[in-house]
Amino acid sequence: MRFERESDHVGQALTPEQETSLLGACESNMLLHTVVTLALNTALRKNEIRSLRWSQIDLFKRMLMVGKTKTEGGSGRLIPLNAPAYAALVKWASRFPETQPAQYVFPRCEDARLDCLKPDISKVDASRPIKSWRTAWRRAPKDVGLSIRFHDLRHTCITKLAEGQASEQTLMSIAGHVSRKMLEHYSHIRMEAKRAALDAIATLPQQAVFQAGVHQNVHQLPASDSTTPAN
């Protein structure tokens, strides 16, 4: 299996409103909605999602294990499934009741319409992973006026984790990074979070200092009010 090289291009993180709009645009395509939900809630790369096997997912413990991946320390990492990721996988799993542990979660298909509610299982080859969901992905962001890459969903997840005060060790354990430099490459703390952090440490200044006409020395009288000394 050939993995794509991860670009050095600095990505972007979606706002909560953009994230909601994007998921809404994916609602009619079950395949796309599932992989987008996973990316937004696990920080998995596209090919880490594409190559998932059912043996890597434990729905009882609500956890998945990442398979072979591109970075040192990334393979085999354990990712807890939060509520949206868990719900998406449970719903997806219900479509393939006869699957085996070694089979792929997102299988290869030829006109099987995995995106619809009732795919043609006879045209699904679960022994091989899906090639891509590129066509559906290109349409969904465009429908809601977004110009983003699928990889930006990973940026979004890591950014939200950083804004939630997750430790560097936790971030790297989830994202699979091995250096602070790579962590900073993906973690784009939004301006709102930066402003809130700085506002939290601010103290109320002396009101008089900011009043119009008050000099640096607050005890100094304005020239117009000064008293002329007697001769």
C-alpha atoms as a PDB file:
ATOM      1  CA  MET A   1       0.000   0.000   0.000  1.00  0.00           C
ATOM      2  CA  ARG A   2       1.427   3.398  -0.988  1.00  0.00           C
ATOM      3  CA  PHE A   3       1.001   6.142   1.567  1.00  0.00           C
ATOM      4  CA  GLU A   4       0.825   9.780   0.596  1.00  0.00           C
ATOM      5  CA  ARG A   5       3.582  12.076   1.728  1.00  0.00           C
ATOM      6  CA  GLU A   6       2.394  14.522   4.349  1.00  0.00           C
ATOM      7  CA  SER A   7       2.761  18.075   3.090  1.00  0.00           C
ATOM      8  CA  ASP A   8       4.750  20.739   4.918  1.00  0.00           C
ATOM      9  CA  HIS A   9       2.029  23.232   3.938  1.00  0.00           C
ATOM     10  CA  VAL A  10       0.645  24.945   7.012  1.00  0.00           C
ATOM     11  CA  GLY A  11      -2.984  23.937   7.219  1.00  0.00           C
ATOM     12  CA  GLN A  12      -6.027  25.582   8.705  1.00  0.00           C
ATOM     13  CA  ALA A  13      -8.416  24.764  11.502  1.00  0.00           C
ATOM     14  CA  LEU A  14     -12.157  24.989  10.991  1.00  0.00           C
ATOM     15  CA  THR A  15     -14.288  27.150  13.237  1.00  0.00           C
ATOM     16  CA  PRO A  16     -17.144  25.391  15.087  1.00  0.00           C
ATOM     17  CA  GLU A  17     -19.602  26.930  12.622  1.00  0.00           C
ATOM     18  CA  GLN A  18     -17.600  25.691   9.618  1.00  0.00           C
ATOM     19  CA  GLU A  19     -17.334  22.234  11.147  1.00  0.00           C
ATOM     20  CA  THR A  20     -21.106  22.063  11.627  1.00  0.00           C
ATOM     21  CA  SER A  21     -21.726  23.234   8.064  1.00  0.00           C
ATOM     22  CA  LEU A  22     -19.309  20.682   6.643  1.00  0.00           C
ATOM     23  CA  LEU A  23     -20.883  17.776   8.531  1.00  0.00           C
ATOM     24  CA  GLY A  24     -24.271  18.929   7.336  1.00  0.00           C
ATOM     25  CA  ALA A  25     -23.046  18.864   3.737  1.00  0.00           C
ATOM     26  CA  CYS A  26     -21.818  15.284   4.266  1.00  0.00           C
ATOM     27  CA  GLU A  27     -25.070  14.062   5.802  1.00  0.00           C
ATOM     28  CA  SER A  28     -26.448  12.589   2.585  1.00  0.00           C
ATOM     29  CA  ASN A  29     -23.286  10.533   1.971  1.00  0.00           C
ATOM     30  CA  MET A  30     -22.848   7.986   4.758  1.00  0.00           C
ATOM     31  CA  LEU A  31     -19.306   7.045   3.746  1.00  0.00           C
ATOM     32  CA  LEU A  32     -18.116  10.637   3.658  1.00  0.00           C
ATOM     33  CA  HIS A  33     -19.937  11.572   6.858  1.00  0.00           C
ATOM     34  CA  THR A  34     -18.273   8.665   8.671  1.00  0.00           C
ATOM     35  CA  VAL A  35     -14.702   9.395   7.555  1.00  0.00           C
ATOM     36  CA  VAL A  36     -15.073  13.150   8.131  1.00  0.00           C
ATOM     37  CA  THR A  37     -16.437  12.531  11.628  1.00  0.00           C
ATOM     38  CA  LEU A  38     -13.521  10.224  12.397  1.00  0.00           C
ATOM     39  CA  ALA A  39     -10.947  12.722  11.135  1.00  0.00           C
ATOM     40  CA  LEU A  40     -12.470  15.558  13.171  1.00  0.00           C
ATOM     41  CA  ASN A  41     -12.590  13.484  16.367  1.00  0.00           C
ATOM     42  CA  THR A  42      -9.474  11.283  16.252  1.00  0.00           C
ATOM     43  CA  ALA A  43      -6.860  13.349  14.337  1.00  0.00           C
ATOM     44  CA  LEU A  44      -6.253  10.333  12.105  1.00  0.00           C
ATOM     45  CA  ARG A  45      -4.651  10.926   8.718  1.00  0.00           C
ATOM     46  CA  LYS A  46      -6.617  10.040   5.596  1.00  0.00           C
ATOM     47  CA  ASN A  47      -4.657   6.865   4.939  1.00  0.00           C
ATOM     48  CA  GLU A  48      -4.812   5.832   8.590  1.00  0.00           C
ATOM     49  CA  ILE A  49      -8.592   5.919   8.226  1.00  0.00           C
ATOM     50  CA  ARG A  50      -8.600   4.310   4.790  1.00  0.00           C
ATOM     51  CA  SER A  51      -6.485   1.365   5.954  1.00  0.00           C
ATOM     52  CA  LEU A  52      -8.394   0.625   9.174  1.00  0.00           C
ATOM     53  CA  ARG A  53      -9.365  -3.018   9.739  1.00  0.00           C
ATOM     54  CA  TRP A  54     -12.111  -4.161  12.078  1.00  0.00           C
ATOM     55  CA  SER A  55      -9.500  -5.927  14.216  1.00  0.00           C
ATOM     56  CA  GLN A  56      -8.123  -2.489  15.113  1.00  0.00           C
ATOM     57  CA  ILE A  57     -11.440  -1.293  16.532  1.00  0.00           C
ATOM     58  CA  ASP A  58     -12.857  -2.280  19.919  1.00  0.00           C
ATOM     59  CA  LEU A  59     -16.394  -0.936  20.164  1.00  0.00           C
ATOM     60  CA  PHE A  60     -16.845  -2.369  23.654  1.00  0.00           C
ATOM     61  CA  LYS A  61     -13.868  -0.453  25.031  1.00  0.00           C
ATOM     62  CA  ARG A  62     -14.543   2.459  22.674  1.00  0.00           C
ATOM     63  CA  MET A  63     -11.031   2.503  21.331  1.00  0.00           C
ATOM     64  CA  LEU A  64      -9.106   1.975  18.102  1.00  0.00           C
ATOM     65  CA  MET A  65      -5.498   1.142  17.376  1.00  0.00           C
ATOM     66  CA  VAL A  66      -3.757   2.846  14.482  1.00  0.00           C
ATOM     67  CA  GLY A  67      -2.087   0.502  12.019  1.00  0.00           C
ATOM     68  CA  LYS A  68       1.186   0.987  10.199  1.00  0.00           C
ATOM     69  CA  THR A  69       1.714   4.653   9.563  1.00  0.00           C
ATOM     70  CA  LYS A  70       4.296   7.083   8.274  1.00  0.00           C
ATOM     71  CA  THR A  71       5.840   8.488  11.453  1.00  0.00           C
ATOM     72  CA  GLU A  72       7.978   6.893  14.117  1.00  0.00           C
ATOM     73  CA  GLY A  73       5.828   6.359  17.163  1.00  0.00           C
ATOM     74  CA  GLY A  74       2.635   6.723  15.152  1.00  0.00           C
ATOM     75  CA  SER A  75       2.014   3.055  14.428  1.00  0.00           C
ATOM     76  CA  GLY A  76       0.094   1.157  17.071  1.00  0.00           C
ATOM     77  CA  ARG A  77      -1.041   4.205  19.016  1.00  0.00           C
ATOM     78  CA  LEU A  78      -4.339   3.839  20.856  1.00  0.00           C
ATOM     79  CA  ILE A  79      -7.097   6.383  20.260  1.00  0.00           C
ATOM     80  CA  PRO A  80     -10.139   6.543  22.555  1.00  0.00           C
ATOM     81  CA  LEU A  81     -13.401   7.023  20.686  1.00  0.00           C
ATOM     82  CA  ASN A  82     -15.402  10.017  21.846  1.00  0.00           C
ATOM     83  CA  ALA A  83     -19.181  10.118  21.413  1.00  0.00           C
ATOM     84  CA  PRO A  84     -19.301  11.343  17.773  1.00  0.00           C
ATOM     85  CA  ALA A  85     -16.566   8.944  16.588  1.00  0.00           C
ATOM     86  CA  TYR A  86     -18.126   6.004  18.422  1.00  0.00           C
ATOM     87  CA  ALA A  87     -21.618   6.714  17.090  1.00  0.00           C
ATOM     88  CA  ALA A  88     -20.327   7.045  13.534  1.00  0.00           C
ATOM     89  CA  LEU A  89     -18.486   3.704  13.688  1.00  0.00           C
ATOM     90  CA  VAL A  90     -21.409   1.862  15.300  1.00  0.00           C
ATOM     91  CA  LYS A  91     -23.724   3.106  12.579  1.00  0.00           C
ATOM     92  CA  TRP A  92     -21.214   2.176   9.875  1.00  0.00           C
ATOM     93  CA  ALA A  93     -20.603  -1.282  11.379  1.00  0.00           C
ATOM     94  CA  SER A  94     -24.344  -2.039  11.286  1.00  0.00           C
ATOM     95  CA  ARG A  95     -24.142  -2.068   7.482  1.00  0.00           C
ATOM     96  CA  PHE A  96     -21.689  -4.981   7.420  1.00  0.00           C
ATOM     97  CA  PRO A  97     -22.952  -7.591   9.912  1.00  0.00           C
ATOM     98  CA  GLU A  98     -20.946 -10.434   8.361  1.00  0.00           C
ATOM     99  CA  THR A  99     -17.532  -8.786   8.378  1.00  0.00           C
ATOM    100  CA  GLN A 100     -14.436 -10.518   9.736  1.00  0.00           C
ATOM    101  CA  PRO A 101     -11.703  -8.941  11.937  1.00  0.00           C
ATOM    102  CA  ALA A 102      -9.117  -8.947   9.131  1.00  0.00           C
ATOM    103  CA  GLN A 103     -11.416  -7.127   6.721  1.00  0.00           C
ATOM    104  CA  TYR A 104     -11.235  -3.400   6.045  1.00  0.00           C
ATOM    105  CA  VAL A 105     -13.628  -0.982   7.697  1.00  0.00           C
ATOM    106  CA  PHE A 106     -13.898   0.973   4.454  1.00  0.00           C
ATOM    107  CA  PRO A 107     -13.712  -1.742   1.792  1.00  0.00           C
ATOM    108  CA  ARG A 108     -12.998  -1.595  -1.915  1.00  0.00           C
ATOM    109  CA  CYS A 109     -16.113  -1.423  -4.012  1.00  0.00           C
ATOM    110  CA  GLU A 110     -17.101  -1.205  -7.657  1.00  0.00           C
ATOM    111  CA  ASP A 111     -20.391   0.637  -8.048  1.00  0.00           C
ATOM    112  CA  ALA A 112     -21.531  -0.771  -4.720  1.00  0.00           C
ATOM    113  CA  ARG A 113     -22.708   2.679  -3.534  1.00  0.00           C
ATOM    114  CA  LEU A 114     -21.200   2.599  -0.066  1.00  0.00           C
ATOM    115  CA  ASP A 115     -22.492   6.123   0.326  1.00  0.00           C
ATOM    116  CA  CYS A 116     -26.140   5.072   0.313  1.00  0.00           C
ATOM    117  CA  LEU A 117     -28.159   3.353   3.039  1.00  0.00           C
ATOM    118  CA  LYS A 118     -28.275  -0.069   1.361  1.00  0.00           C
ATOM    119  CA  PRO A 119     -25.072  -0.786  -0.586  1.00  0.00           C
ATOM    120  CA  ASP A 120     -24.808  -3.763  -2.904  1.00  0.00           C
ATOM    121  CA  ILE A 121     -22.714  -6.065  -0.694  1.00  0.00           C
ATOM    122  CA  SER A 122     -22.079  -8.441  -3.615  1.00  0.00           C
ATOM    123  CA  LYS A 123     -19.899  -5.743  -5.189  1.00  0.00           C
ATOM    124  CA  VAL A 124     -17.872  -5.071  -2.044  1.00  0.00           C
ATOM    125  CA  ASP A 125     -14.367  -6.517  -1.636  1.00  0.00           C
ATOM    126  CA  ALA A 126     -13.624  -6.217   2.085  1.00  0.00           C
ATOM    127  CA  SER A 127     -10.198  -7.826   1.651  1.00  0.00           C
ATOM    128  CA  ARG A 128      -8.931  -4.577   0.125  1.00  0.00           C
ATOM    129  CA  PRO A 129      -9.280  -0.980   1.332  1.00  0.00           C
ATOM    130  CA  ILE A 130     -11.233   1.652  -0.521  1.00  0.00           C
ATOM    131  CA  LYS A 131      -9.192   3.585  -3.074  1.00  0.00           C
ATOM    132  CA  SER A 132     -10.485   7.038  -2.263  1.00  0.00           C
ATOM    133  CA  TRP A 133     -13.475   9.223  -1.428  1.00  0.00           C
ATOM    134  CA  ARG A 134     -12.003  12.113  -3.390  1.00  0.00           C
ATOM    135  CA  THR A 135     -14.988  12.919  -5.614  1.00  0.00           C
ATOM    136  CA  ALA A 136     -17.468  13.173  -2.755  1.00  0.00           C
ATOM    137  CA  TRP A 137     -14.987  15.113  -0.626  1.00  0.00           C
ATOM    138  CA  ARG A 138     -14.341  17.746  -3.280  1.00  0.00           C
ATOM    139  CA  ARG A 139     -18.044  18.464  -3.567  1.00  0.00           C
ATOM    140  CA  ALA A 140     -18.941  18.738   0.134  1.00  0.00           C
ATOM    141  CA  PRO A 141     -16.691  21.661   1.201  1.00  0.00           C
ATOM    142  CA  LYS A 142     -17.508  23.494  -2.007  1.00  0.00           C
ATOM    143  CA  ASP A 143     -21.232  23.232  -1.256  1.00  0.00           C
ATOM    144  CA  VAL A 144     -20.740  25.208   1.979  1.00  0.00           C
ATOM    145  CA  GLY A 145     -18.186  27.664   0.624  1.00  0.00           C
ATOM    146  CA  LEU A 146     -15.073  26.135   2.186  1.00  0.00           C
ATOM    147  CA  SER A 147     -11.681  25.803   0.538  1.00  0.00           C
ATOM    148  CA  ILE A 148      -9.982  23.131   2.624  1.00  0.00           C
ATOM    149  CA  ARG A 149      -8.068  19.869   2.329  1.00  0.00           C
ATOM    150  CA  PHE A 150      -9.125  16.647   4.016  1.00  0.00           C
ATOM    151  CA  HIS A 151      -5.900  16.933   6.021  1.00  0.00           C
ATOM    152  CA  ASP A 152      -7.220  20.156   7.565  1.00  0.00           C
ATOM    153  CA  LEU A 153      -9.672  18.022   9.539  1.00  0.00           C
ATOM    154  CA  ARG A 154      -6.652  16.623  11.378  1.00  0.00           C
ATOM    155  CA  HIS A 155      -5.431  20.175  11.988  1.00  0.00           C
ATOM    156  CA  THR A 156      -8.854  21.040  13.367  1.00  0.00           C
ATOM    157  CA  CYS A 157      -8.887  18.148  15.823  1.00  0.00           C
ATOM    158  CA  ILE A 158      -5.392  18.889  17.143  1.00  0.00           C
ATOM    159  CA  THR A 159      -6.212  22.578  17.455  1.00  0.00           C
ATOM    160  CA  LYS A 160      -9.309  21.811  19.525  1.00  0.00           C
ATOM    161  CA  LEU A 161      -7.269  19.517  21.766  1.00  0.00           C
ATOM    162  CA  ALA A 162      -4.671  22.250  22.292  1.00  0.00           C
ATOM    163  CA  GLU A 163      -7.373  24.820  23.058  1.00  0.00           C
ATOM    164  CA  GLY A 164      -8.820  22.376  25.565  1.00  0.00           C
ATOM    165  CA  GLN A 165      -5.547  22.496  27.510  1.00  0.00           C
ATOM    166  CA  ALA A 166      -4.455  18.947  26.666  1.00  0.00           C
ATOM    167  CA  SER A 167      -0.816  18.376  27.607  1.00  0.00           C
ATOM    168  CA  GLU A 168       1.872  18.082  24.948  1.00  0.00           C
ATOM    169  CA  GLN A 169       2.317  14.413  25.833  1.00  0.00           C
ATOM    170  CA  THR A 170      -1.394  13.771  25.318  1.00  0.00           C
ATOM    171  CA  LEU A 171      -1.423  15.643  22.018  1.00  0.00           C
ATOM    172  CA  MET A 172       1.570  13.740  20.693  1.00  0.00           C
ATOM    173  CA  SER A 173       0.135  10.431  21.869  1.00  0.00           C
ATOM    174  CA  ILE A 174      -3.088  11.055  19.958  1.00  0.00           C
ATOM    175  CA  ALA A 175      -1.584  12.685  16.882  1.00  0.00           C
ATOM    176  CA  GLY A 176       1.415  10.365  16.645  1.00  0.00           C
ATOM    177  CA  HIS A 177       4.023  13.117  16.631  1.00  0.00           C
ATOM    178  CA  VAL A 178       7.483  12.664  18.084  1.00  0.00           C
ATOM    179  CA  SER A 179       8.695  16.259  18.306  1.00  0.00           C
ATOM    180  CA  ARG A 180       7.510  19.631  19.554  1.00  0.00           C
ATOM    181  CA  LYS A 181       8.302  21.129  16.141  1.00  0.00           C
ATOM    182  CA  MET A 182       5.802  18.843  14.404  1.00  0.00           C
ATOM    183  CA  LEU A 183       3.242  19.496  17.125  1.00  0.00           C
ATOM    184  CA  GLU A 184       3.503  23.250  16.617  1.00  0.00           C
ATOM    185  CA  HIS A 185       3.155  22.713  12.856  1.00  0.00           C
ATOM    186  CA  TYR A 186      -0.325  21.279  13.339  1.00  0.00           C
ATOM    187  CA  SER A 187      -1.608  23.121  16.385  1.00  0.00           C
ATOM    188  CA  HIS A 188      -3.175  26.404  15.251  1.00  0.00           C
ATOM    189  CA  ILE A 189      -4.560  28.088  18.327  1.00  0.00           C
ATOM    190  CA  ARG A 190      -7.322  30.365  17.118  1.00  0.00           C
ATOM    191  CA  MET A 191      -7.307  34.078  17.963  1.00  0.00           C
ATOM    192  CA  GLU A 192     -10.379  33.689  20.177  1.00  0.00           C
ATOM    193  CA  ALA A 193      -8.528  31.202  22.392  1.00  0.00           C
ATOM    194  CA  LYS A 194      -5.432  33.419  22.535  1.00  0.00           C
ATOM    195  CA  ARG A 195      -7.539  36.439  23.505  1.00  0.00           C
ATOM    196  CA  ALA A 196      -9.380  34.480  26.206  1.00  0.00           C
ATOM    197  CA  ALA A 197      -6.088  33.226  27.653  1.00  0.00           C
ATOM    198  CA  LEU A 198      -4.642  36.748  27.857  1.00  0.00           C
ATOM    199  CA  ASP A 199      -7.878  38.257  29.186  1.00  0.00           C
ATOM    200  CA  ALA A 200      -7.847  35.661  31.958  1.00  0.00           C
ATOM    201  CA  ILE A 201      -4.573  36.983  33.365  1.00  0.00           C
ATOM    202  CA  ALA A 202      -5.467  40.658  33.026  1.00  0.00           C
ATOM    203  CA  THR A 203      -6.087  42.861  36.081  1.00  0.00           C
ATOM    204  CA  LEU A 204      -8.310  45.930  36.125  1.00  0.00           C
ATOM    205  CA  PRO A 205      -6.099  48.999  35.658  1.00  0.00           C
ATOM    206  CA  GLN A 206      -6.383  52.182  37.652  1.00  0.00           C
ATOM    207  CA  GLN A 207      -9.333  53.920  36.006  1.00  0.00           C
ATOM    208  CA  ALA A 208      -7.868  57.375  36.558  1.00  0.00           C
ATOM    209  CA  VAL A 209      -4.814  56.561  34.482  1.00  0.00           C
ATOM    210  CA  PHE A 210      -6.984  56.067  31.374  1.00  0.00           C
ATOM    211  CA  GLN A 211      -9.191  59.129  31.855  1.00  0.00           C
ATOM    212  CA  ALA A 212      -8.791  61.840  29.245  1.00  0.00           C
ATOM    213  CA  GLY A 213      -6.631  64.767  30.295  1.00  0.00           C
ATOM    214  CA  VAL A 214      -4.889  62.958  33.165  1.00  0.00           C
ATOM    215  CA  HIS A 215      -1.127  63.305  33.066  1.00  0.00           C
ATOM    216  CA  GLN A 216       1.370  60.573  33.888  1.00  0.00           C
ATOM    217  CA  ASN A 217       1.842  62.256  37.285  1.00  0.00           C
ATOM    218  CA  VAL A 218      -1.743  62.204  38.553  1.00  0.00           C
ATOM    219  CA  HIS A 219      -0.921  64.779  41.237  1.00  0.00           C
ATOM    220  CA  GLN A 220       0.151  67.370  38.652  1.00  0.00           C
ATOM    221  CA  LEU A 221      -2.490  69.991  37.920  1.00  0.00           C
ATOM    222  CA  PRO A 222      -3.242  70.998  34.324  1.00  0.00           C
ATOM    223  CA  ALA A 223      -1.543  74.251  33.374  1.00  0.00           C
ATOM    224  CA  SER A 224      -4.864  76.100  32.962  1.00  0.00           C
ATOM    225  CA  ASP A 225      -5.791  75.345  36.598  1.00  0.00           C
ATOM    226  CA  SER A 226      -2.477  76.278  38.144  1.00  0.00           C
ATOM    227  CA  THR A 227      -2.469  79.023  40.777  1.00  0.00           C
ATOM    228  CA  THR A 228      -0.245  82.072  40.142  1.00  0.00           C
ATOM    229  CA  PRO A 229       2.047  82.510  43.101  1.00  0.00           C
ATOM    230  CA  ALA A 230       1.681  85.831  44.971  1.00  0.00           C
ATOM    231  CA  ASN A 231       4.404  88.428  44.584  1.00  0.00           C
END
